[in-house]
N, C-alpha and C. Protein backbone atom coordinates (compact mmCIF):
# COMPACT_ATOMS: atom_id res chain seq x y z
N MET A 1 -97.45 -30.82 -67.14
CA MET A 1 -98.17 -30.77 -65.89
C MET A 1 -99.24 -29.70 -65.99
N LEU A 2 -100.30 -29.89 -65.27
CA LEU A 2 -101.35 -28.88 -65.20
C LEU A 2 -101.02 -27.92 -64.07
N ALA A 3 -101.21 -26.64 -64.33
CA ALA A 3 -100.98 -25.61 -63.34
C ALA A 3 -102.09 -24.57 -63.49
N LYS A 4 -102.06 -23.55 -62.66
CA LYS A 4 -103.09 -22.51 -62.72
C LYS A 4 -102.44 -21.13 -62.67
N ALA A 5 -103.11 -20.18 -63.31
CA ALA A 5 -102.66 -18.80 -63.20
C ALA A 5 -102.82 -18.37 -61.75
N TRP A 6 -102.03 -17.41 -61.34
CA TRP A 6 -102.03 -16.92 -59.96
C TRP A 6 -101.98 -15.40 -60.01
N SER A 7 -102.63 -14.76 -59.05
CA SER A 7 -102.51 -13.31 -58.98
C SER A 7 -102.36 -12.88 -57.54
N GLY A 8 -101.51 -11.90 -57.36
CA GLY A 8 -101.25 -11.28 -56.07
C GLY A 8 -100.77 -9.88 -56.39
N ALA A 9 -99.57 -9.54 -55.93
CA ALA A 9 -98.98 -8.25 -56.28
C ALA A 9 -98.61 -8.22 -57.77
N SER A 10 -98.43 -9.39 -58.36
CA SER A 10 -98.17 -9.54 -59.79
C SER A 10 -98.87 -10.81 -60.23
N TYR A 11 -98.64 -11.23 -61.45
CA TYR A 11 -99.21 -12.49 -61.94
C TYR A 11 -98.15 -13.57 -61.94
N GLY A 12 -98.60 -14.80 -61.84
CA GLY A 12 -97.68 -15.92 -61.83
C GLY A 12 -98.38 -17.20 -62.23
N ILE A 13 -97.64 -18.29 -62.09
CA ILE A 13 -98.16 -19.63 -62.36
C ILE A 13 -97.97 -20.46 -61.10
N ARG A 14 -99.08 -20.96 -60.58
CA ARG A 14 -99.06 -21.80 -59.38
C ARG A 14 -98.98 -23.26 -59.83
N VAL A 15 -97.88 -23.92 -59.52
CA VAL A 15 -97.70 -25.31 -59.93
C VAL A 15 -98.25 -26.28 -58.90
N GLY A 16 -98.37 -25.85 -57.65
CA GLY A 16 -98.86 -26.72 -56.59
C GLY A 16 -97.73 -27.55 -55.98
N ARG A 17 -97.96 -28.01 -54.79
CA ARG A 17 -96.91 -28.76 -54.06
C ARG A 17 -96.55 -30.08 -54.73
N THR A 18 -97.55 -30.80 -55.20
CA THR A 18 -97.27 -32.11 -55.82
C THR A 18 -96.37 -31.94 -57.03
N ASN A 19 -96.71 -31.00 -57.92
CA ASN A 19 -95.88 -30.76 -59.11
C ASN A 19 -94.51 -30.21 -58.73
N ALA A 20 -94.46 -29.34 -57.74
CA ALA A 20 -93.17 -28.80 -57.30
C ALA A 20 -92.24 -29.94 -56.88
N ASN A 21 -92.77 -30.85 -56.10
CA ASN A 21 -91.95 -31.97 -55.63
C ASN A 21 -91.58 -32.94 -56.73
N LYS A 22 -92.45 -33.09 -57.73
CA LYS A 22 -92.21 -34.06 -58.80
C LYS A 22 -91.31 -33.52 -59.91
N TYR A 23 -91.46 -32.25 -60.28
CA TYR A 23 -90.80 -31.72 -61.48
C TYR A 23 -89.70 -30.70 -61.22
N PHE A 24 -89.53 -30.27 -59.97
CA PHE A 24 -88.56 -29.23 -59.65
C PHE A 24 -87.53 -29.77 -58.67
N SER A 25 -86.30 -29.29 -58.80
CA SER A 25 -85.23 -29.69 -57.88
C SER A 25 -85.04 -28.61 -56.82
N LYS A 26 -84.88 -29.04 -55.59
CA LYS A 26 -84.65 -28.09 -54.50
C LYS A 26 -83.29 -27.40 -54.64
N ASP A 27 -82.45 -27.88 -55.53
CA ASP A 27 -81.16 -27.24 -55.80
C ASP A 27 -81.31 -26.00 -56.69
N TRP A 28 -82.44 -25.88 -57.38
CA TRP A 28 -82.63 -24.76 -58.30
C TRP A 28 -82.99 -23.48 -57.55
N THR A 29 -82.38 -22.39 -57.94
CA THR A 29 -82.74 -21.07 -57.40
C THR A 29 -83.59 -20.31 -58.41
N GLU A 30 -83.57 -20.77 -59.66
CA GLU A 30 -84.37 -20.16 -60.71
C GLU A 30 -84.73 -21.19 -61.76
N ILE A 31 -85.73 -20.87 -62.55
CA ILE A 31 -86.11 -21.70 -63.68
C ILE A 31 -86.17 -20.82 -64.92
N GLU A 32 -86.13 -21.45 -66.08
CA GLU A 32 -86.32 -20.76 -67.34
C GLU A 32 -87.58 -21.32 -67.98
N VAL A 33 -88.45 -20.42 -68.42
CA VAL A 33 -89.72 -20.83 -69.00
C VAL A 33 -89.85 -20.23 -70.38
N GLU A 34 -90.09 -21.09 -71.36
CA GLU A 34 -90.34 -20.62 -72.73
C GLU A 34 -91.76 -20.08 -72.79
N ILE A 35 -91.84 -18.81 -73.09
CA ILE A 35 -93.13 -18.12 -73.20
C ILE A 35 -93.13 -17.40 -74.54
N GLY A 36 -94.04 -17.80 -75.42
CA GLY A 36 -94.14 -17.13 -76.71
C GLY A 36 -92.89 -17.24 -77.56
N GLY A 37 -92.19 -18.36 -77.45
CA GLY A 37 -91.03 -18.60 -78.31
C GLY A 37 -89.69 -18.15 -77.76
N HIS A 38 -89.65 -17.53 -76.58
CA HIS A 38 -88.36 -17.16 -75.99
C HIS A 38 -88.38 -17.47 -74.49
N PHE A 39 -87.20 -17.63 -73.93
CA PHE A 39 -87.08 -18.03 -72.53
C PHE A 39 -86.99 -16.82 -71.60
N GLU A 40 -87.72 -16.93 -70.50
CA GLU A 40 -87.70 -15.94 -69.42
C GLU A 40 -87.22 -16.65 -68.16
N ARG A 41 -86.49 -15.94 -67.33
CA ARG A 41 -86.00 -16.50 -66.07
C ARG A 41 -86.90 -16.06 -64.92
N PHE A 42 -87.13 -16.99 -64.00
CA PHE A 42 -87.94 -16.71 -62.82
C PHE A 42 -87.23 -17.28 -61.60
N ARG A 43 -87.12 -16.47 -60.58
CA ARG A 43 -86.50 -16.88 -59.32
C ARG A 43 -87.48 -17.76 -58.55
N LEU A 44 -86.97 -18.80 -57.93
CA LEU A 44 -87.78 -19.63 -57.04
C LEU A 44 -87.48 -19.19 -55.61
N SER A 45 -88.49 -18.69 -54.94
CA SER A 45 -88.30 -18.24 -53.56
C SER A 45 -88.23 -19.44 -52.62
N LYS A 46 -87.75 -19.22 -51.42
CA LYS A 46 -87.74 -20.31 -50.43
C LYS A 46 -89.16 -20.76 -50.13
N ALA A 47 -90.12 -19.83 -50.23
CA ALA A 47 -91.52 -20.17 -49.97
C ALA A 47 -92.11 -21.07 -51.05
N PHE A 48 -91.41 -21.19 -52.20
CA PHE A 48 -91.88 -22.08 -53.27
C PHE A 48 -92.06 -23.51 -52.73
N TRP A 49 -91.21 -23.90 -51.82
CA TRP A 49 -91.25 -25.27 -51.28
C TRP A 49 -92.21 -25.42 -50.12
N GLY A 50 -92.89 -24.35 -49.76
CA GLY A 50 -93.85 -24.41 -48.67
C GLY A 50 -95.23 -24.00 -49.13
N LYS A 51 -95.66 -22.83 -48.66
CA LYS A 51 -97.02 -22.37 -48.92
C LYS A 51 -97.21 -21.69 -50.28
N CYS A 52 -96.13 -21.40 -51.00
CA CYS A 52 -96.24 -20.60 -52.23
C CYS A 52 -95.57 -21.28 -53.43
N PRO A 53 -96.09 -22.42 -53.87
CA PRO A 53 -95.46 -23.11 -55.00
C PRO A 53 -95.84 -22.47 -56.34
N GLU A 54 -95.36 -21.23 -56.53
CA GLU A 54 -95.61 -20.53 -57.78
C GLU A 54 -94.39 -19.70 -58.14
N PHE A 55 -94.31 -19.36 -59.43
CA PHE A 55 -93.32 -18.40 -59.88
C PHE A 55 -94.07 -17.22 -60.47
N ARG A 56 -93.48 -16.03 -60.33
CA ARG A 56 -94.18 -14.80 -60.69
C ARG A 56 -93.29 -13.90 -61.51
N GLY A 57 -93.93 -13.05 -62.32
CA GLY A 57 -93.17 -12.05 -63.06
C GLY A 57 -94.02 -11.37 -64.12
N VAL A 58 -93.52 -10.23 -64.57
CA VAL A 58 -94.22 -9.42 -65.56
C VAL A 58 -94.48 -10.22 -66.83
N ALA A 59 -93.54 -11.05 -67.24
CA ALA A 59 -93.70 -11.82 -68.48
C ALA A 59 -94.91 -12.74 -68.41
N VAL A 60 -95.22 -13.28 -67.23
CA VAL A 60 -96.39 -14.13 -67.08
C VAL A 60 -97.66 -13.32 -67.27
N GLY A 61 -97.73 -12.16 -66.64
CA GLY A 61 -98.90 -11.29 -66.79
C GLY A 61 -99.11 -10.88 -68.24
N ASP A 62 -98.02 -10.52 -68.91
CA ASP A 62 -98.12 -10.14 -70.33
C ASP A 62 -98.63 -11.30 -71.17
N TRP A 63 -98.14 -12.50 -70.88
CA TRP A 63 -98.57 -13.68 -71.64
C TRP A 63 -100.05 -13.99 -71.37
N LEU A 64 -100.45 -13.95 -70.11
CA LEU A 64 -101.85 -14.21 -69.78
C LEU A 64 -102.77 -13.22 -70.50
N LEU A 65 -102.39 -11.96 -70.51
CA LEU A 65 -103.17 -10.94 -71.19
C LEU A 65 -103.23 -11.21 -72.69
N GLY A 66 -102.10 -11.54 -73.29
CA GLY A 66 -102.04 -11.84 -74.71
C GLY A 66 -102.84 -13.06 -75.12
N GLN A 67 -103.03 -13.98 -74.18
CA GLN A 67 -103.79 -15.20 -74.46
C GLN A 67 -105.28 -15.01 -74.18
N GLY A 68 -105.66 -13.82 -73.73
CA GLY A 68 -107.06 -13.56 -73.41
C GLY A 68 -107.52 -14.20 -72.11
N LEU A 69 -106.59 -14.49 -71.21
CA LEU A 69 -106.91 -15.16 -69.95
C LEU A 69 -107.12 -14.20 -68.79
N LEU A 70 -106.96 -12.91 -69.04
CA LEU A 70 -107.19 -11.88 -68.02
C LEU A 70 -108.39 -11.03 -68.41
N PRO A 71 -109.16 -10.59 -67.46
CA PRO A 71 -109.22 -11.08 -66.09
C PRO A 71 -109.99 -12.38 -66.03
N TRP A 72 -109.93 -13.05 -64.89
CA TRP A 72 -110.72 -14.27 -64.70
C TRP A 72 -111.69 -14.04 -63.55
N PRO A 73 -112.77 -14.83 -63.53
CA PRO A 73 -113.74 -14.69 -62.43
C PRO A 73 -113.08 -15.02 -61.09
N LYS A 74 -113.45 -14.28 -60.07
CA LYS A 74 -112.88 -14.49 -58.73
C LYS A 74 -112.99 -15.96 -58.34
N GLY A 75 -111.85 -16.52 -57.92
CA GLY A 75 -111.82 -17.91 -57.47
C GLY A 75 -111.72 -18.94 -58.58
N SER A 76 -111.60 -18.49 -59.84
CA SER A 76 -111.54 -19.43 -60.98
C SER A 76 -110.38 -19.10 -61.91
N PRO A 77 -109.14 -19.20 -61.43
CA PRO A 77 -108.01 -18.91 -62.31
C PRO A 77 -107.94 -19.92 -63.45
N PRO A 78 -107.52 -19.48 -64.63
CA PRO A 78 -107.44 -20.41 -65.76
C PRO A 78 -106.34 -21.44 -65.56
N GLY A 79 -106.59 -22.63 -66.08
CA GLY A 79 -105.58 -23.67 -66.09
C GLY A 79 -104.64 -23.48 -67.26
N VAL A 80 -103.40 -23.91 -67.09
CA VAL A 80 -102.37 -23.84 -68.13
C VAL A 80 -101.56 -25.13 -68.10
N GLN A 81 -100.76 -25.31 -69.14
CA GLN A 81 -99.81 -26.42 -69.17
C GLN A 81 -98.41 -25.87 -68.95
N LEU A 82 -97.64 -26.52 -68.11
CA LEU A 82 -96.23 -26.21 -67.93
C LEU A 82 -95.49 -27.50 -68.28
N ILE A 83 -94.84 -27.49 -69.41
CA ILE A 83 -94.23 -28.70 -69.95
C ILE A 83 -92.75 -28.75 -69.57
N PRO A 84 -92.32 -29.78 -68.83
CA PRO A 84 -90.90 -29.91 -68.50
C PRO A 84 -90.10 -30.18 -69.78
N LEU A 85 -88.99 -29.48 -69.94
CA LEU A 85 -88.11 -29.70 -71.09
C LEU A 85 -86.87 -30.44 -70.61
N GLU A 86 -85.81 -29.72 -70.31
CA GLU A 86 -84.58 -30.33 -69.83
C GLU A 86 -84.05 -29.51 -68.68
N GLY A 87 -83.62 -30.18 -67.62
CA GLY A 87 -83.10 -29.46 -66.46
C GLY A 87 -84.15 -28.55 -65.87
N ASN A 88 -83.79 -27.28 -65.68
CA ASN A 88 -84.71 -26.33 -65.06
C ASN A 88 -85.48 -25.51 -66.11
N ARG A 89 -85.69 -26.09 -67.29
CA ARG A 89 -86.39 -25.40 -68.37
C ARG A 89 -87.77 -26.02 -68.60
N PHE A 90 -88.73 -25.12 -68.85
CA PHE A 90 -90.12 -25.50 -69.05
C PHE A 90 -90.71 -24.69 -70.21
N ARG A 91 -91.83 -25.14 -70.71
CA ARG A 91 -92.58 -24.41 -71.75
C ARG A 91 -93.98 -24.15 -71.22
N LEU A 92 -94.43 -22.91 -71.31
CA LEU A 92 -95.77 -22.53 -70.86
C LEU A 92 -96.71 -22.50 -72.05
N ARG A 93 -97.85 -23.16 -71.90
CA ARG A 93 -98.84 -23.23 -72.97
C ARG A 93 -100.23 -23.10 -72.40
N THR A 94 -101.17 -22.70 -73.24
CA THR A 94 -102.57 -22.74 -72.85
C THR A 94 -103.02 -24.19 -72.91
N LEU A 95 -104.11 -24.49 -72.25
CA LEU A 95 -104.68 -25.84 -72.32
C LEU A 95 -105.30 -26.05 -73.69
N PRO A 96 -105.19 -27.25 -74.23
CA PRO A 96 -105.85 -27.52 -75.51
C PRO A 96 -107.34 -27.34 -75.40
N ALA A 97 -107.95 -26.89 -76.48
CA ALA A 97 -109.42 -26.74 -76.50
C ALA A 97 -110.05 -28.12 -76.33
N SER A 98 -111.12 -28.16 -75.55
CA SER A 98 -111.75 -29.47 -75.32
C SER A 98 -112.93 -29.69 -76.23
């Protein structure tokens, strides 16, 4: 799925409402995301299902920085791929070069 980097008090990945409804289960309280070859856990807030369909954490900010995606121009967060694996597990990747 296509998603976008997000920034607020920390960095995160905004999946959007459509992707949240399609790829995530409302039974999940957390997800595991493979970032740089290892899995990180991220809590899904109740707001994930409403106005805030994103997950946030230090590992996301570190990854964005390591990929050269920080900083971005105001209003133009970089796109990323969030690949569903099995259950509540995903893999985070940069978008392929076009």
